[in-house]
PDB file of N, CA and C in Angstrom:
ATOM      1  N   MET A   1       0.867  -1.188   0.003  1.00  0.00           N
ATOM      2  CA  MET A   1      -0.002   0.002   0.008  1.00  0.00           C
ATOM      3  C   MET A   1       0.878   1.237   0.009  1.00  0.00           C
ATOM      4  N   ASP A   2       0.477   2.263  -0.682  1.00  0.00           N
ATOM      5  CA  ASP A   2       1.168   3.541  -0.743  1.00  0.00           C
ATOM      6  C   ASP A   2       1.321   4.127   0.653  1.00  0.00           C
ATOM      7  N   ALA A   3       2.515   4.593   0.988  1.00  0.00           N
ATOM      8  CA  ALA A   3       2.753   5.168   2.336  1.00  0.00           C
ATOM      9  C   ALA A   3       1.869   6.338   2.633  1.00  0.00           C
ATOM     10  N   ARG A   4       1.490   7.094   1.590  1.00  0.00           N
ATOM     11  CA  ARG A   4       0.626   8.255   1.806  1.00  0.00           C
ATOM     12  C   ARG A   4      -0.756   7.799   2.272  1.00  0.00           C
ATOM     13  N   LEU A   5      -1.199   6.643   1.812  1.00  0.00           N
ATOM     14  CA  LEU A   5      -2.518   6.144   2.229  1.00  0.00           C
ATOM     15  C   LEU A   5      -2.484   5.824   3.742  1.00  0.00           C
ATOM     16  N   LYS A   6      -1.415   5.169   4.165  1.00  0.00           N
ATOM     17  CA  LYS A   6      -1.276   4.819   5.563  1.00  0.00           C
ATOM     18  C   LYS A   6      -1.316   6.065   6.457  1.00  0.00           C
ATOM     19  N   ALA A   7      -0.651   7.074   6.003  1.00  0.00           N
ATOM     20  CA  ALA A   7      -0.524   8.300   6.820  1.00  0.00           C
ATOM     21  C   ALA A   7      -1.760   9.203   6.657  1.00  0.00           C
ATOM     22  N   GLY A   8      -2.578   8.950   5.709  1.00  0.00           N
ATOM     23  CA  GLY A   8      -3.706   9.852   5.408  1.00  0.00           C
ATOM     24  C   GLY A   8      -3.310  11.089   4.705  1.00  0.00           C
ATOM     25  N   HIS A   9      -2.125  11.096   4.066  1.00  0.00           N
ATOM     26  CA  HIS A   9      -1.609  12.234   3.313  1.00  0.00           C
ATOM     27  C   HIS A   9      -2.509  12.585   2.126  1.00  0.00           C
ATOM     28  N   GLY A  10      -2.680  13.857   1.836  1.00  0.00           N
ATOM     29  CA  GLY A  10      -3.403  14.274   0.651  1.00  0.00           C
ATOM     30  C   GLY A  10      -4.887  14.391   0.865  1.00  0.00           C
ATOM     31  N   GLY A  11      -5.350  14.227   2.100  1.00  0.00           N
ATOM     32  CA  GLY A  11      -6.724  14.482   2.424  1.00  0.00           C
ATOM     33  C   GLY A  11      -7.650  13.290   2.219  1.00  0.00           C
ATOM     34  N   PHE A  12      -7.138  12.101   1.993  1.00  0.00           N
ATOM     35  CA  PHE A  12      -8.031  10.946   1.873  1.00  0.00           C
ATOM     36  C   PHE A  12      -7.859  10.052   3.080  1.00  0.00           C
ATOM     37  N   ARG A  13      -8.848   9.185   3.299  1.00  0.00           N
ATOM     38  CA  ARG A  13      -8.843   8.346   4.495  1.00  0.00           C
ATOM     39  C   ARG A  13      -8.876   6.909   4.114  1.00  0.00           C
ATOM     40  N   VAL A  14      -8.377   6.068   5.016  1.00  0.00           N
ATOM     41  CA  VAL A  14      -8.404   4.614   4.810  1.00  0.00           C
ATOM     42  C   VAL A  14      -9.135   4.008   5.974  1.00  0.00           C
ATOM     43  N   ALA A  15     -10.100   3.129   5.680  1.00  0.00           N
ATOM     44  CA  ALA A  15     -10.815   2.413   6.722  1.00  0.00           C
ATOM     45  C   ALA A  15      -9.851   1.484   7.412  1.00  0.00           C
ATOM     46  N   LYS A  16      -9.826   1.459   8.729  1.00  0.00           N
ATOM     47  CA  LYS A  16      -8.869   0.636   9.488  1.00  0.00           C
ATOM     48  C   LYS A  16      -9.416  -0.721   9.850  1.00  0.00           C
ATOM     49  N   LYS A  17     -10.702  -0.806  10.151  1.00  0.00           N
ATOM     50  CA  LYS A  17     -11.252  -2.060  10.694  1.00  0.00           C
ATOM     51  C   LYS A  17     -11.889  -2.908   9.578  1.00  0.00           C
ATOM     52  N   VAL A  18     -11.151  -3.168   8.555  1.00  0.00           N
ATOM     53  CA  VAL A  18     -11.597  -4.087   7.486  1.00  0.00           C
ATOM     54  C   VAL A  18     -10.422  -5.048   7.195  1.00  0.00           C
ATOM     55  N   ARG A  19     -10.732  -6.110   6.576  1.00  0.00           N
ATOM     56  CA  ARG A  19      -9.703  -7.100   6.303  1.00  0.00           C
ATOM     57  C   ARG A  19      -8.571  -6.494   5.440  1.00  0.00           C
ATOM     58  N   LYS A  20      -8.941  -5.660   4.493  1.00  0.00           N
ATOM     59  CA  LYS A  20      -8.032  -5.013   3.561  1.00  0.00           C
ATOM     60  C   LYS A  20      -8.284  -3.516   3.622  1.00  0.00           C
ATOM     61  N   PRO A  21      -7.269  -2.657   3.715  1.00  0.00           N
ATOM     62  CA  PRO A  21      -7.571  -1.198   3.743  1.00  0.00           C
ATOM     63  C   PRO A  21      -8.432  -0.785   2.540  1.00  0.00           C
ATOM     64  N   GLU A  22      -9.368   0.066   2.805  1.00  0.00           N
ATOM     65  CA  GLU A  22     -10.304   0.500   1.791  1.00  0.00           C
ATOM     66  C   GLU A  22     -10.275   2.009   1.639  1.00  0.00           C
ATOM     67  N   LEU A  23     -10.053   2.485   0.442  1.00  0.00           N
ATOM     68  CA  LEU A  23     -10.045   3.921   0.184  1.00  0.00           C
ATOM     69  C   LEU A  23     -11.431   4.497   0.260  1.00  0.00           C
ATOM     70  N   LEU A  24     -11.648   5.511   1.136  1.00  0.00           N
ATOM     71  CA  LEU A  24     -12.983   6.048   1.303  1.00  0.00           C
ATOM     72  C   LEU A  24     -13.208   7.309   0.524  1.00  0.00           C
ATOM     73  N   GLY A  25     -12.195   8.088   0.253  1.00  0.00           N
ATOM     74  CA  GLY A  25     -12.406   9.283  -0.541  1.00  0.00           C
ATOM     75  C   GLY A  25     -11.301  10.297  -0.399  1.00  0.00           C
ATOM     76  N   PHE A  26     -11.314  11.309  -1.253  1.00  0.00           N
ATOM     77  CA  PHE A  26     -10.364  12.394  -1.233  1.00  0.00           C
ATOM     78  C   PHE A  26     -11.075  13.618  -0.745  1.00  0.00           C
ATOM     79  N   SER A  27     -10.327  14.563  -0.194  1.00  0.00           N
ATOM     80  CA  SER A  27     -10.972  15.775   0.308  1.00  0.00           C
ATOM     81  C   SER A  27     -11.325  16.727  -0.796  1.00  0.00           C
ATOM     82  N   SER A  28     -10.682  16.572  -1.981  1.00  0.00           N
ATOM     83  CA  SER A  28     -11.032  17.452  -3.109  1.00  0.00           C
ATOM     84  C   SER A  28     -10.677  16.740  -4.418  1.00  0.00           C
ATOM     85  N   GLU A  29     -11.279  17.258  -5.501  1.00  0.00           N
ATOM     86  CA  GLU A  29     -10.949  16.692  -6.813  1.00  0.00           C
ATOM     87  C   GLU A  29      -9.461  16.883  -7.173  1.00  0.00           C
ATOM     88  N   ASP A  30      -8.896  18.024  -6.690  1.00  0.00           N
ATOM     89  CA  ASP A  30      -7.486  18.290  -6.925  1.00  0.00           C
ATOM     90  C   ASP A  30      -6.598  17.199  -6.274  1.00  0.00           C
ATOM     91  N   ASP A  31      -6.967  16.795  -5.064  1.00  0.00           N
ATOM     92  CA  ASP A  31      -6.208  15.749  -4.383  1.00  0.00           C
ATOM     93  C   ASP A  31      -6.263  14.440  -5.123  1.00  0.00           C
ATOM     94  N   TRP A  32      -7.446  14.145  -5.673  1.00  0.00           N
ATOM     95  CA  TRP A  32      -7.593  12.885  -6.483  1.00  0.00           C
ATOM     96  C   TRP A  32      -6.755  12.973  -7.746  1.00  0.00           C
ATOM     97  N   PHE A  33      -6.800  14.137  -8.413  1.00  0.00           N
ATOM     98  CA  PHE A  33      -6.013  14.295  -9.626  1.00  0.00           C
ATOM     99  C   PHE A  33      -4.519  14.169  -9.347  1.00  0.00           C
ATOM    100  N   ASP A  34      -4.067  14.879  -8.273  1.00  0.00           N
ATOM    101  CA  ASP A  34      -2.649  14.816  -7.883  1.00  0.00           C
ATOM    102  C   ASP A  34      -2.194  13.351  -7.602  1.00  0.00           C
ATOM    103  N   TYR A  35      -3.017  12.627  -6.855  1.00  0.00           N
ATOM    104  CA  TYR A  35      -2.682  11.238  -6.511  1.00  0.00           C
ATOM    105  C   TYR A  35      -2.560  10.406  -7.793  1.00  0.00           C
ATOM    106  N   ARG A  36      -3.526  10.548  -8.697  1.00  0.00           N
ATOM    107  CA  ARG A  36      -3.485   9.750  -9.937  1.00  0.00           C
ATOM    108  C   ARG A  36      -2.263  10.106 -10.771  1.00  0.00           C
ATOM    109  N   LEU A  37      -1.947  11.402 -10.871  1.00  0.00           N
ATOM    110  CA  LEU A  37      -0.801  11.860 -11.654  1.00  0.00           C
ATOM    111  C   LEU A  37       0.537  11.322 -11.062  1.00  0.00           C
ATOM    112  N   GLU A  38       0.656  11.469  -9.757  1.00  0.00           N
ATOM    113  CA  GLU A  38       1.882  11.083  -9.063  1.00  0.00           C
ATOM    114  C   GLU A  38       2.056   9.549  -9.059  1.00  0.00           C
ATOM    115  N   SER A  39       0.999   8.811  -9.365  1.00  0.00           N
ATOM    116  CA  SER A  39       1.068   7.362  -9.381  1.00  0.00           C
ATOM    117  C   SER A  39       1.138   6.808 -10.749  1.00  0.00           C
ATOM    118  N   ASP A  40       1.093   7.634 -11.750  1.00  0.00           N
ATOM    119  CA  ASP A  40       1.102   7.188 -13.167  1.00  0.00           C
ATOM    120  C   ASP A  40       2.509   6.911 -13.632  1.00  0.00           C
ATOM    121  N   PRO A  41       2.840   5.658 -14.026  1.00  0.00           N
ATOM    122  CA  PRO A  41       4.189   5.368 -14.417  1.00  0.00           C
ATOM    123  C   PRO A  41       4.674   6.160 -15.641  1.00  0.00           C
ATOM    124  N   ARG A  42       3.736   6.496 -16.541  1.00  0.00           N
ATOM    125  CA  ARG A  42       4.114   7.297 -17.734  1.00  0.00           C
ATOM    126  C   ARG A  42       4.561   8.708 -17.285  1.00  0.00           C
ATOM    127  N   PHE A  43       3.853   9.279 -16.331  1.00  0.00           N
ATOM    128  CA  PHE A  43       4.219  10.621 -15.807  1.00  0.00           C
ATOM    129  C   PHE A  43       5.579  10.559 -15.117  1.00  0.00           C
ATOM    130  N   LEU A  44       5.758   9.545 -14.273  1.00  0.00           N
ATOM    131  CA  LEU A  44       6.992   9.386 -13.540  1.00  0.00           C
ATOM    132  C   LEU A  44       8.213   9.226 -14.492  1.00  0.00           C
ATOM    133  N   LYS A  45       7.982   8.482 -15.588  1.00  0.00           N
ATOM    134  CA  LYS A  45       9.048   8.302 -16.558  1.00  0.00           C
ATOM    135  C   LYS A  45       9.394   9.634 -17.216  1.00  0.00           C
ATOM    136  N   ARG A  46       8.368  10.447 -17.542  1.00  0.00           N
ATOM    137  CA  ARG A  46       8.657  11.745 -18.202  1.00  0.00           C
ATOM    138  C   ARG A  46       9.419  12.670 -17.248  1.00  0.00           C
ATOM    139  N   ILE A  47       9.050  12.634 -15.977  1.00  0.00           N
ATOM    140  CA  ILE A  47       9.721  13.489 -14.983  1.00  0.00           C
ATOM    141  C   ILE A  47      11.209  13.054 -14.879  1.00  0.00           C
ATOM    142  N   GLU A  48      11.446  11.727 -14.810  1.00  0.00           N
ATOM    143  CA  GLU A  48      12.842  11.300 -14.763  1.00  0.00           C
ATOM    144  C   GLU A  48      13.626  11.665 -16.022  1.00  0.00           C
ATOM    145  N   GLN A  49      13.009  11.601 -17.179  1.00  0.00           N
ATOM    146  CA  GLN A  49      13.675  12.003 -18.405  1.00  0.00           C
ATOM    147  C   GLN A  49      14.020  13.502 -18.366  1.00  0.00           C
ATOM    148  N   ALA A  50      13.053  14.300 -17.897  1.00  0.00           N
ATOM    149  CA  ALA A  50      13.304  15.748 -17.799  1.00  0.00           C
ATOM    150  C   ALA A  50      14.443  16.083 -16.824  1.00  0.00           C
ATOM    151  N   ARG A  51      14.450  15.350 -15.657  1.00  0.00           N
ATOM    152  CA  ARG A  51      15.558  15.585 -14.722  1.00  0.00           C
ATOM    153  C   ARG A  51      16.915  15.219 -15.286  1.00  0.00           C
ATOM    154  N   LYS A  52      16.975  14.101 -16.019  1.00  0.00           N
ATOM    155  CA  LYS A  52      18.251  13.728 -16.671  1.00  0.00           C
ATOM    156  C   LYS A  52      18.670  14.787 -17.672  1.00  0.00           C
ATOM    157  N   SER A  53      17.740  15.293 -18.439  1.00  0.00           N
ATOM    158  CA  SER A  53      18.031  16.339 -19.391  1.00  0.00           C
ATOM    159  C   SER A  53      18.569  17.594 -18.738  1.00  0.00           C
ATOM    160  N   LEU A  54      17.971  17.963 -17.629  1.00  0.00           N
ATOM    161  CA  LEU A  54      18.465  19.181 -16.926  1.00  0.00           C
ATOM    162  C   LEU A  54      19.841  18.957 -16.298  1.00  0.00           C
ATOM    163  N   ARG A  55      20.068  17.756 -15.774  1.00  0.00           N
ATOM    164  CA  ARG A  55      21.415  17.441 -15.242  1.00  0.00           C
ATOM    165  C   ARG A  55      22.474  17.439 -16.321  1.00  0.00           C
ATOM    166  N   ALA A  56      22.058  17.152 -17.547  1.00  0.00           N
ATOM    167  CA  ALA A  56      22.991  17.145 -18.688  1.00  0.00           C
ATOM    168  C   ALA A  56      23.167  18.541 -19.256  1.00  0.00           C
ATOM    169  N   GLY A  57      22.517  19.547 -18.667  1.00  0.00           N
ATOM    170  CA  GLY A  57      22.717  20.915 -19.117  1.00  0.00           C
ATOM    171  C   GLY A  57      21.786  21.326 -20.291  1.00  0.00           C
ATOM    172  N   ARG A  58      20.770  20.546 -20.517  1.00  0.00           N
ATOM    173  CA  ARG A  58      19.879  20.872 -21.659  1.00  0.00           C
ATOM    174  C   ARG A  58      18.617  21.613 -21.234  1.00  0.00           C
ATOM    175  N   GLY A  59      18.726  22.388 -20.170  1.00  0.00           N
ATOM    176  CA  GLY A  59      17.561  23.130 -19.679  1.00  0.00           C
ATOM    177  C   GLY A  59      17.666  24.613 -20.068  1.00  0.00           C
ATOM    178  N   VAL A  60      16.597  25.356 -19.857  1.00  0.00           N
ATOM    179  CA  VAL A  60      16.562  26.763 -20.064  1.00  0.00           C
ATOM    180  C   VAL A  60      16.164  27.434 -18.754  1.00  0.00           C
ATOM    181  N   LYS A  61      16.955  28.440 -18.343  1.00  0.00           N
ATOM    182  CA  LYS A  61      16.686  29.150 -17.117  1.00  0.00           C
ATOM    183  C   LYS A  61      15.367  29.966 -17.320  1.00  0.00           C
ATOM    184  N   LEU A  62      14.579  30.063 -16.278  1.00  0.00           N
ATOM    185  CA  LEU A  62      13.300  30.769 -16.319  1.00  0.00           C
ATOM    186  C   LEU A  62      13.543  32.217 -16.729  1.00  0.00           C
ATOM    187  N   GLU A  63      14.564  32.846 -16.233  1.00  0.00           N
ATOM    188  CA  GLU A  63      14.839  34.238 -16.567  1.00  0.00           C
ATOM    189  C   GLU A  63      15.232  34.414 -18.027  1.00  0.00           C
ATOM    190  N   ASP A  64      15.587  33.352 -18.711  1.00  0.00           N
ATOM    191  CA  ASP A  64      15.965  33.404 -20.109  1.00  0.00           C
ATOM    192  C   ASP A  64      14.774  33.210 -21.076  1.00  0.00           C
ATOM    193  N   VAL A  65      13.649  32.862 -20.466  1.00  0.00           N
ATOM    194  CA  VAL A  65      12.421  32.643 -21.300  1.00  0.00           C
ATOM    195  C   VAL A  65      11.797  33.989 -21.573  1.00  0.00           C
ATOM    196  N   GLU A  66      11.536  34.242 -22.881  1.00  0.00           N
ATOM    197  CA  GLU A  66      10.912  35.520 -23.248  1.00  0.00           C
ATOM    198  C   GLU A  66       9.407  35.396 -23.061  1.00  0.00           C
ATOM    199  N   THR A  67       8.819  36.441 -22.540  1.00  0.00           N
ATOM    200  CA  THR A  67       7.340  36.488 -22.356  1.00  0.00           C
ATOM    201  C   THR A  67       6.747  37.429 -23.422  1.00  0.00           C
ATOM    202  N   SER A  68       5.546  37.097 -23.821  1.00  0.00           N
ATOM    203  CA  SER A  68       4.849  37.982 -24.804  1.00  0.00           C
ATOM    204  C   SER A  68       3.999  38.981 -24.047  1.00  0.00           C
ATOM    205  N   GLY A  69       3.931  40.172 -24.546  1.00  0.00           N
ATOM    206  CA  GLY A  69       3.056  41.142 -23.952  1.00  0.00           C
ATOM    207  C   GLY A  69       3.707  42.243 -23.391  1.00  0.00           C
TER     208      GLY A  69
END
């Protein structure tokens, strides 16, 4: 089970007195979205690729990004 579920992190609760922990709900739709995104292997892979790219010096500093307007 995800450690955040055990701790009640992110505003959702887990029923304790059942044979198997049961997810009861999230405190907001944003919490549900965040949990799903952070648990998605495709998203995690893209984040790791982006971090590798930055470590290799292929990033752009925020102050170097031109804004329109």
